[in-house]
Protein backbone atom coordinates (compact mmCIF):
# COMPACT_ATOMS: atom_id res chain seq x y z
CA LYS A 1 -3.96 -55.95 -62.23
CA LYS A 2 -1.72 -54.23 -59.60
CA GLN A 3 -4.05 -51.42 -59.45
CA LYS A 4 -7.10 -53.87 -59.21
CA GLN A 5 -5.02 -55.79 -56.47
CA GLN A 6 -4.51 -52.44 -54.60
CA HIS A 7 -8.25 -51.87 -54.68
CA THR A 8 -9.44 -55.26 -54.05
CA LEU A 9 -7.00 -56.08 -51.21
CA PRO A 10 -8.48 -53.59 -48.78
CA LEU A 11 -11.89 -54.80 -49.38
CA PRO A 12 -11.57 -57.90 -47.16
CA HIS A 13 -10.05 -55.63 -44.51
CA VAL A 14 -12.97 -53.23 -44.74
CA CYS A 15 -15.42 -56.04 -44.48
CA LYS A 16 -13.71 -57.53 -41.61
CA ALA A 17 -13.76 -54.06 -39.90
CA GLU A 18 -17.48 -53.68 -40.56
CA GLY A 19 -18.43 -56.79 -38.75
CA PRO A 20 -17.03 -55.64 -35.35
CA LEU A 21 -18.30 -52.14 -35.98
CA SER A 22 -21.94 -53.26 -36.47
CA SER A 23 -21.71 -55.49 -33.50
CA ARG A 24 -20.34 -52.64 -31.44
CA LEU A 25 -23.29 -50.48 -32.57
CA VAL A 26 -25.73 -53.12 -31.47
CA LEU A 27 -24.01 -53.65 -28.11
CA SER A 28 -23.83 -49.93 -27.52
CA ALA A 29 -27.65 -49.82 -27.66
CA LEU A 30 -28.15 -52.78 -25.38
CA PRO A 31 -26.63 -51.32 -22.21
CA LEU A 32 -29.03 -48.42 -22.60
CA ARG A 33 -31.97 -50.74 -22.36
CA LEU A 34 -30.40 -52.71 -19.57
CA SER A 35 -29.50 -49.43 -17.63
CA LEU A 36 -33.15 -48.43 -17.34
CA ARG A 37 -34.07 -51.79 -15.99
CA GLY A 38 -31.12 -51.67 -13.59
CA TYR A 39 -32.01 -48.21 -12.51
CA GLY A 40 -35.64 -49.22 -11.68
CA PHE A 41 -34.43 -52.40 -9.85
CA CYS A 42 -31.98 -50.26 -7.81
CA MET A 43 -34.71 -47.78 -6.97
CA ALA A 44 -37.17 -50.55 -6.00
CA THR A 45 -34.48 -52.19 -3.82
CA LEU A 46 -33.61 -48.92 -2.15
CA PHE A 47 -37.34 -48.27 -1.40
CA LEU A 48 -37.78 -51.66 0.19
CA PHE A 49 -34.71 -51.10 2.31
CA CYS A 50 -35.86 -47.72 3.57
CA PHE A 51 -39.35 -49.08 4.23
CA GLY A 52 -38.05 -52.10 5.91
CA SER A 53 -35.68 -49.95 8.14
CA LEU A 54 -38.62 -47.69 9.06
CA PHE A 55 -40.68 -50.53 9.96
CA TYR A 56 -37.90 -52.04 12.07
CA GLN A 57 -37.47 -48.92 14.09
CA LEU A 58 -41.15 -48.28 14.76
CA ASN A 59 -41.70 -51.78 15.97
CA GLY A 60 -38.55 -52.08 17.93
CA GLY A 61 -37.31 -55.13 16.10
CA PRO A 62 -37.20 -57.18 12.94
CA PRO A 63 -40.53 -57.96 11.06
CA ARG A 64 -42.26 -61.24 12.13
CA ILE A 65 -41.66 -62.79 8.90
CA LEU A 66 -37.88 -62.49 9.20
CA LEU A 67 -38.02 -64.13 12.63
CA ASP A 68 -40.12 -66.87 11.04
CA ILE A 69 -37.48 -67.30 8.26
CA ARG A 70 -34.67 -67.40 10.89
CA GLN A 71 -36.41 -70.02 12.75
CA TYR A 72 -37.10 -72.03 9.72
CA LEU A 73 -33.57 -71.88 8.58
CA GLY A 74 -32.15 -72.41 11.96
CA GLU A 75 -30.96 -70.06 14.81
CA SER A 76 -27.47 -69.90 13.46
CA THR A 77 -26.54 -66.27 12.28
CA TYR A 78 -23.40 -64.69 10.70
CA ARG A 79 -22.44 -63.33 14.11
CA ASP A 80 -22.78 -66.69 15.81
CA ASP A 81 -20.55 -68.24 13.11
CA HIS A 82 -17.93 -65.58 13.10
CA GLY A 83 -16.95 -64.87 16.70
CA PRO A 84 -18.62 -63.92 20.07
CA PRO A 85 -21.65 -61.54 20.20
CA VAL A 86 -20.86 -57.99 20.64
CA PRO A 87 -20.91 -57.04 24.44
CA ARG A 88 -23.78 -54.79 25.67
CA VAL A 89 -22.65 -51.12 25.93
CA LEU A 90 -23.18 -50.29 29.63
CA PRO A 91 -23.52 -46.68 31.03
CA PHE A 92 -20.71 -45.41 33.15
CA PRO A 93 -20.71 -45.86 35.97
CA SER A 94 -22.69 -49.11 35.93
CA GLN A 95 -21.97 -50.00 39.64
CA VAL A 96 -23.33 -47.70 42.28
CA VAL A 97 -23.46 -48.27 46.00
CA TYR A 98 -25.63 -46.22 48.27
CA ASN A 99 -24.46 -47.08 51.95
CA ARG A 100 -27.26 -45.00 53.35
CA VAL A 101 -26.92 -43.50 56.81
CA GLY A 102 -29.85 -44.08 59.19
CA LYS A 103 -32.41 -41.22 59.74
CA CYS A 104 -31.00 -39.23 56.94
CA GLY A 105 -34.05 -39.51 54.44
CA SER A 106 -32.88 -42.82 53.10
CA ARG A 107 -36.39 -44.27 53.10
CA THR A 108 -37.36 -41.49 50.87
CA VAL A 109 -34.67 -42.10 48.38
CA VAL A 110 -35.18 -45.82 48.33
CA ILE A 111 -38.89 -45.41 47.41
CA LEU A 112 -37.81 -43.17 44.60
CA LEU A 113 -35.28 -45.71 43.53
CA ARG A 114 -37.76 -48.42 43.31
CA LEU A 115 -39.82 -46.36 40.86
CA LEU A 116 -36.78 -45.35 38.89
CA ALA A 117 -35.42 -49.08 38.60
CA GLU A 118 -38.67 -49.98 36.85
CA LYS A 119 -38.49 -46.94 34.64
CA HIS A 120 -34.83 -47.14 33.60
CA GLN A 121 -34.35 -51.02 33.77
CA PHE A 122 -31.38 -51.11 36.19
CA ASN A 123 -30.95 -53.69 39.02
CA LEU A 124 -31.92 -52.32 42.46
CA VAL A 125 -30.78 -54.49 45.29
CA SER A 126 -32.02 -52.95 48.68
CA SER A 127 -30.84 -54.96 51.78
CA ASP A 128 -33.15 -55.38 54.55
CA ILE A 129 -30.35 -55.66 57.14
CA HIS A 130 -30.42 -52.62 59.38
CA ASN A 131 -28.57 -53.36 62.40
CA LYS A 132 -25.12 -54.82 61.18
CA THR A 133 -23.03 -51.87 59.84
CA ARG A 134 -19.77 -53.19 61.14
CA LEU A 135 -18.49 -56.40 59.48
CA THR A 136 -15.70 -58.94 59.96
CA LYS A 137 -12.96 -59.30 57.30
CA HIS A 138 -14.68 -62.40 55.89
CA GLU A 139 -18.10 -60.84 56.16
CA GLN A 140 -16.67 -57.86 54.10
CA VAL A 141 -15.22 -60.15 51.33
CA ASP A 142 -18.58 -62.05 51.02
CA LEU A 143 -20.59 -58.84 50.81
CA MET A 144 -18.28 -57.30 48.14
CA ARG A 145 -18.28 -60.40 46.02
CA ASN A 146 -22.03 -60.60 46.21
CA ILE A 147 -22.25 -56.97 45.31
CA SER A 148 -19.90 -57.32 42.30
CA GLY A 149 -21.91 -60.31 41.02
CA ILE A 150 -24.97 -58.30 40.51
CA PRO A 151 -25.86 -57.94 36.82
CA GLN A 152 -24.91 -54.43 35.65
CA PRO A 153 -26.04 -51.69 35.70
CA PHE A 154 -27.05 -51.94 39.37
CA LEU A 155 -27.49 -49.84 42.39
CA TYR A 156 -27.03 -51.65 45.79
CA THR A 157 -28.15 -50.03 48.91
CA ARG A 158 -27.79 -51.02 52.67
CA HIS A 159 -26.98 -49.38 56.06
CA VAL A 160 -23.24 -50.36 56.16
CA HIS A 161 -20.05 -48.65 56.81
CA PHE A 162 -17.87 -47.79 53.82
CA LEU A 163 -16.22 -50.93 52.22
CA ASN A 164 -12.87 -50.61 50.55
CA PHE A 165 -13.18 -53.03 47.51
CA THR A 166 -9.68 -52.32 46.14
CA ARG A 167 -8.15 -53.66 49.42
CA PHE A 168 -9.31 -57.10 48.30
CA ARG A 169 -8.57 -56.54 44.79
CA ILE A 170 -12.16 -56.12 43.69
CA GLU A 171 -13.44 -53.39 41.20
CA GLN A 172 -14.42 -50.39 43.39
CA PRO A 173 -17.96 -49.12 42.68
CA VAL A 174 -19.05 -45.54 42.80
CA TYR A 175 -20.51 -44.46 46.10
CA ILE A 176 -23.35 -41.90 46.78
CA ASN A 177 -24.95 -40.84 50.05
CA ILE A 178 -26.92 -38.27 51.98
CA ILE A 179 -26.43 -36.84 55.46
CA ARG A 180 -28.32 -34.28 57.57
CA ASP A 181 -27.73 -31.94 60.46
CA PRO A 182 -26.27 -34.25 63.30
CA ILE A 183 -28.52 -32.95 65.99
CA SER A 184 -31.60 -33.20 63.78
CA ARG A 185 -30.62 -36.84 62.87
CA PHE A 186 -30.08 -37.61 66.58
CA LEU A 187 -33.42 -36.22 67.77
CA SER A 188 -35.27 -37.92 64.99
CA ASN A 189 -33.76 -41.23 65.80
CA TYR A 190 -34.46 -40.74 69.54
CA PHE A 191 -38.24 -40.32 69.12
CA PHE A 192 -38.51 -42.62 66.22
CA ARG A 193 -37.28 -45.55 68.31
CA ARG A 194 -39.86 -44.78 71.06
CA PHE A 195 -42.92 -43.72 69.18
CA GLY A 196 -42.46 -44.54 65.32
CA ASP A 197 -43.97 -42.53 62.55
CA TRP A 198 -47.33 -41.84 61.17
CA ARG A 199 -47.53 -45.15 59.07
CA GLY A 200 -48.95 -46.97 62.22
CA GLU A 201 -49.71 -46.29 65.80
CA GLN A 202 -48.20 -49.49 67.11
CA ASN A 203 -45.14 -49.93 64.78
CA HIS A 204 -42.79 -48.51 67.28
CA LEU A 205 -43.88 -51.41 69.65
CA ILE A 206 -42.78 -53.88 67.00
CA ARG A 207 -39.48 -52.31 66.50
CA THR A 208 -38.53 -51.99 70.14
CA PRO A 209 -40.74 -54.55 71.93
CA GLY A 210 -38.17 -54.94 74.77
CA MET A 211 -38.12 -51.21 75.70
CA LYS A 212 -39.51 -50.61 79.06
CA ASP A 213 -41.92 -47.70 79.81
CA GLU A 214 -39.37 -45.70 81.93
CA GLU A 215 -36.94 -45.90 78.94
CA ARG A 216 -39.68 -45.29 76.21
CA TYR A 217 -40.92 -42.10 78.04
CA LEU A 218 -37.53 -40.86 79.26
CA ASP A 219 -37.22 -37.10 78.92
CA ILE A 220 -34.57 -36.15 76.36
CA ASN A 221 -33.32 -33.42 78.48
CA VAL A 222 -32.63 -35.92 81.29
CA CYS A 223 -30.99 -38.42 78.81
CA ILE A 224 -28.61 -35.65 77.62
CA LEU A 225 -27.87 -33.76 80.81
CA GLU A 226 -27.45 -36.91 82.98
CA ASN A 227 -25.26 -38.69 80.43
CA TYR A 228 -27.35 -41.60 79.61
CA PRO A 229 -25.54 -44.08 77.21
CA GLU A 230 -28.03 -43.37 74.40
CA CYS A 231 -27.23 -39.64 74.53
CA SER A 232 -23.50 -39.83 74.88
CA ASN A 233 -20.36 -40.88 73.00
CA PRO A 234 -19.69 -43.17 71.26
CA ARG A 235 -23.33 -43.64 70.21
CA VAL A 236 -23.83 -40.14 69.08
CA PHE A 237 -20.70 -40.42 66.92
CA TYR A 238 -22.70 -41.90 64.21
CA ILE A 239 -22.20 -40.28 60.78
CA ILE A 240 -18.52 -40.31 60.42
CA PRO A 241 -18.09 -44.19 60.64
CA TYR A 242 -20.35 -44.65 57.65
CA PHE A 243 -17.57 -42.82 55.62
CA CYS A 244 -14.56 -43.70 57.61
CA GLY A 245 -14.95 -47.49 57.02
CA GLN A 246 -14.52 -50.73 58.74
CA HIS A 247 -11.28 -50.03 60.79
CA PRO A 248 -11.97 -50.27 64.57
CA GLN A 249 -10.61 -46.84 65.06
CA CYS A 250 -13.33 -45.43 62.81
CA ARG A 251 -15.88 -45.80 65.72
CA GLU A 252 -13.69 -43.75 68.03
CA PRO A 253 -14.64 -40.07 67.98
CA GLY A 254 -11.37 -38.15 67.11
CA VAL A 255 -9.44 -36.59 64.44
CA TRP A 256 -8.21 -39.89 62.84
CA ALA A 257 -11.68 -41.05 61.92
CA LEU A 258 -12.75 -37.56 60.83
CA GLU A 259 -9.75 -37.17 58.38
CA ARG A 260 -10.19 -40.56 57.11
CA ALA A 261 -13.94 -40.14 56.34
CA LYS A 262 -13.05 -36.86 54.53
CA GLN A 263 -10.48 -38.54 52.32
CA ASN A 264 -12.84 -41.33 51.42
CA VAL A 265 -15.44 -38.87 50.32
CA LEU A 266 -13.08 -37.15 48.07
CA GLU A 267 -11.67 -40.45 46.53
CA ASN A 268 -14.56 -42.70 46.33
CA TYR A 269 -17.91 -40.66 46.36
CA LEU A 270 -19.45 -39.14 43.34
CA LEU A 271 -21.83 -37.10 45.46
CA VAL A 272 -22.69 -36.62 49.16
CA GLY A 273 -25.73 -34.53 49.62
CA ILE A 274 -27.42 -32.87 52.55
CA LEU A 275 -30.95 -33.56 53.32
CA GLU A 276 -31.82 -30.07 53.94
CA GLU A 277 -31.42 -29.41 50.31
CA LEU A 278 -32.99 -32.63 49.03
CA GLU A 279 -34.37 -31.27 45.89
CA ASP A 280 -30.92 -29.98 44.72
CA VAL A 281 -29.42 -33.42 45.72
CA LEU A 282 -31.92 -35.09 43.33
CA LEU A 283 -31.22 -32.52 40.67
CA LEU A 284 -27.39 -33.14 40.89
CA LEU A 285 -28.01 -36.87 40.86
CA GLU A 286 -30.09 -36.49 37.71
CA ARG A 287 -27.21 -34.65 36.13
CA LEU A 288 -24.45 -36.88 37.15
CA LEU A 289 -26.20 -40.26 36.90
CA PRO A 290 -28.96 -39.82 34.33
CA HIS A 291 -29.21 -43.52 33.51
CA TYR A 292 -30.36 -44.08 37.13
CA PHE A 293 -32.12 -40.74 38.23
CA SER A 294 -33.59 -39.28 35.08
CA GLY A 295 -36.97 -37.80 35.88
CA VAL A 296 -36.60 -38.17 39.67
CA LEU A 297 -37.72 -34.62 40.41
CA ASN A 298 -40.81 -35.03 38.40
CA ILE A 299 -41.63 -38.21 40.54
CA TYR A 300 -40.60 -36.50 43.90
CA LYS A 301 -43.05 -33.52 43.29
CA THR A 302 -46.14 -35.75 42.39
CA PRO A 303 -49.02 -35.44 44.86
CA ASP A 304 -49.02 -39.22 45.35
CA TYR A 305 -45.50 -39.31 46.31
CA LYS A 306 -45.74 -36.34 48.71
CA LYS A 307 -48.62 -38.10 50.45
CA MET A 308 -46.59 -41.18 50.80
CA GLY A 309 -43.63 -39.27 52.08
CA ASN A 310 -45.47 -37.44 54.89
CA LEU A 311 -46.37 -40.88 56.56
CA THR A 312 -42.56 -41.21 57.38
CA GLY A 313 -42.65 -38.26 59.87
CA THR A 314 -41.61 -39.01 63.34
CA VAL A 315 -44.26 -38.97 65.99
CA ARG A 316 -43.96 -36.79 69.19
CA LYS A 317 -40.73 -35.19 68.29
CA HIS A 318 -39.90 -32.09 70.30
CA THR A 319 -37.10 -29.69 70.98
CA PRO A 320 -34.68 -30.18 73.96
CA SER A 321 -33.68 -27.26 76.07
CA LEU A 322 -31.04 -24.73 75.19
CA GLU A 323 -28.65 -26.27 77.75
CA ALA A 324 -29.25 -29.69 76.51
CA LEU A 325 -28.66 -28.75 72.95
CA GLN A 326 -25.32 -26.98 73.89
CA VAL A 327 -24.15 -30.12 75.62
CA LEU A 328 -25.21 -32.39 72.70
CA TYR A 329 -23.30 -30.01 70.33
CA HIS A 330 -20.08 -30.26 72.28
CA ARG A 331 -20.28 -34.03 72.13
CA MET A 332 -20.98 -33.85 68.23
CA ARG A 333 -18.24 -31.45 67.44
CA TYR A 334 -16.40 -33.96 65.15
CA GLU A 335 -19.81 -34.76 63.49
CA TYR A 336 -20.49 -31.05 62.89
CA GLU A 337 -17.08 -30.57 61.34
CA PHE A 338 -17.68 -33.35 59.04
CA TYR A 339 -21.19 -32.10 58.23
CA ASN A 340 -19.73 -28.56 57.40
CA PHE A 341 -17.22 -30.16 55.14
CA ILE A 342 -19.84 -32.04 53.13
CA ARG A 343 -22.03 -29.04 53.03
CA ASP A 344 -19.10 -27.03 51.57
CA GLN A 345 -18.20 -29.78 49.02
CA PHE A 346 -21.89 -30.12 48.02
CA HIS A 347 -22.33 -26.23 47.43
CA LEU A 348 -18.96 -26.40 45.44
CA THR A 349 -20.48 -29.13 43.22
CA LYS A 350 -23.45 -27.04 42.69
CA LYS A 351 -21.43 -24.05 41.76
CA LYS A 352 -19.38 -26.00 39.26
CA ILE A 353 -22.53 -27.39 37.49
CA GLY A 354 -24.05 -23.90 37.45
CA LEU A 355 -26.90 -24.73 40.00
CA ARG A 356 -27.72 -21.67 42.38
CA SER A 357 -27.92 -22.71 45.92
CA ALA A 358 -31.33 -22.12 47.44
CA SER A 359 -30.01 -22.94 50.96
CA LYS A 360 -30.11 -20.36 53.70
CA PRO A 361 -27.38 -19.81 56.31
CA THR A 362 -27.38 -21.71 59.48
CA ALA A 363 -29.79 -20.28 62.07
CA TYR A 364 -27.40 -20.67 64.85
CA SER A 365 -24.26 -18.74 65.86
CA PRO A 366 -21.07 -19.97 67.77
CA ALA A 367 -22.54 -18.29 70.91
CA PHE A 368 -25.75 -20.24 70.76
CA LEU A 369 -24.01 -23.48 70.45
CA ARG A 370 -20.80 -22.90 72.46
CA GLU A 371 -18.63 -25.73 73.38
CA LEU A 372 -18.76 -26.99 76.97
CA ALA A 373 -15.93 -28.71 78.67
CA LEU A 374 -17.95 -31.74 79.72
CA ARG A 375 -16.89 -35.32 80.14
CA THR A 376 -19.13 -38.28 79.22
CA PRO A 377 -18.76 -41.81 80.27
CA GLU A 378 -18.01 -44.64 77.62
CA PRO A 379 -21.32 -46.56 77.30
CA LEU A 380 -21.82 -50.10 75.90
CA ASP A 381 -22.44 -50.61 72.06
CA GLU A 382 -25.92 -50.65 70.79
CA ASP A 383 -27.36 -51.99 67.44
CA GLU A 384 -27.75 -49.43 64.77
CA GLU A 385 -30.99 -47.74 64.35
CA LEU A 386 -33.54 -48.21 61.63
CA ASP A 387 -33.45 -45.81 58.66
CA GLY A 388 -35.30 -42.53 58.41
CA ASP A 389 -37.67 -40.07 57.46
CA LEU A 390 -37.89 -36.85 55.74
CA GLU A 391 -38.28 -33.78 58.13
CA ASP A 392 -37.28 -30.29 58.68
CA ALA A 393 -33.60 -30.59 59.68
CA ASN A 394 -33.67 -27.13 61.59
CA SER A 395 -36.71 -27.96 63.60
CA TRP A 396 -34.70 -28.51 66.79
CA LEU A 397 -33.07 -25.12 66.68
CA VAL A 398 -34.25 -22.70 69.46
CA GLN A 399 -33.61 -19.01 68.90
CA PRO A 400 -31.56 -17.34 71.89
């Protein structure tokens, strides 16, 4: 009996063990069948996800059916229910000011900017105010606040002397500008005010309707050599105030305004180019501000744009005598010191980027434009001139 009991006692234990063992065998076969289905389901889901992602990218947005479902379920999304939307990532810099200098090719650049603004979707605000470059303190604050309120990214352009935003605790934008040879700029303005450009034979009469014939047809040599107000300081001290700023002393020809203008260029201007090398200026702007100027050279070199740019050439422009040029150069000695400073900085920037300069050395020597000890009267102020055209900046030079 003991032996039978010893044999019979384990039997129930074996039977109990066989039950779980058989169930384990059944269950072990079940996951194999489910794993095949799960594998197929996962592959189908992955295919749909990839197809949907591709469809989304090719069409620039979600499929129409998803938009319909969202509208049906309501406009509420996970992002709306769990915090503010992610802010738009703006390019840097996203605030650019071009306080363009009159008769330095600014009209050429503004035409390009209008085409680029449409292409790159940035806000271009071009002011039509041409004769108010100097502002009161309240006018400065109002203008700076208006500029800062433009939706970013933006580029604001106007004929206005440099504005110091940080002085009034407003975020300072990035400045850009273009200047040209001072005497070339002066001659272009002198004849433009009298005879306009090739866009219309009578447009100069619209701009200067009050100008009398004796003033309109005044010989430029007489204007310079006989110290007419238009051809004397402080009116020929024109470029430096655009970079010096709104301080009254910025309008007085001298070292103080010159040094302050240089300092502002180094601290606040991303680039100041020279019109004589405009293609290089556009190339640098394309490198430094691609979200504004990408593709600008392609536009500039198109035949349609060249044809449009030729219409801005000044009518009846001619070269003064050698003596008149020497006198004018003396009066503009601070302007030339600033121009040479900008030219050197521009070439240094090109060298840093690796752009070879295609510029030629100046066609004049110190003996040609020697300084003359001449005194000129202090004339009355005059409204600022209208903006400019694109011409050969060395066309006024006369070889000795």
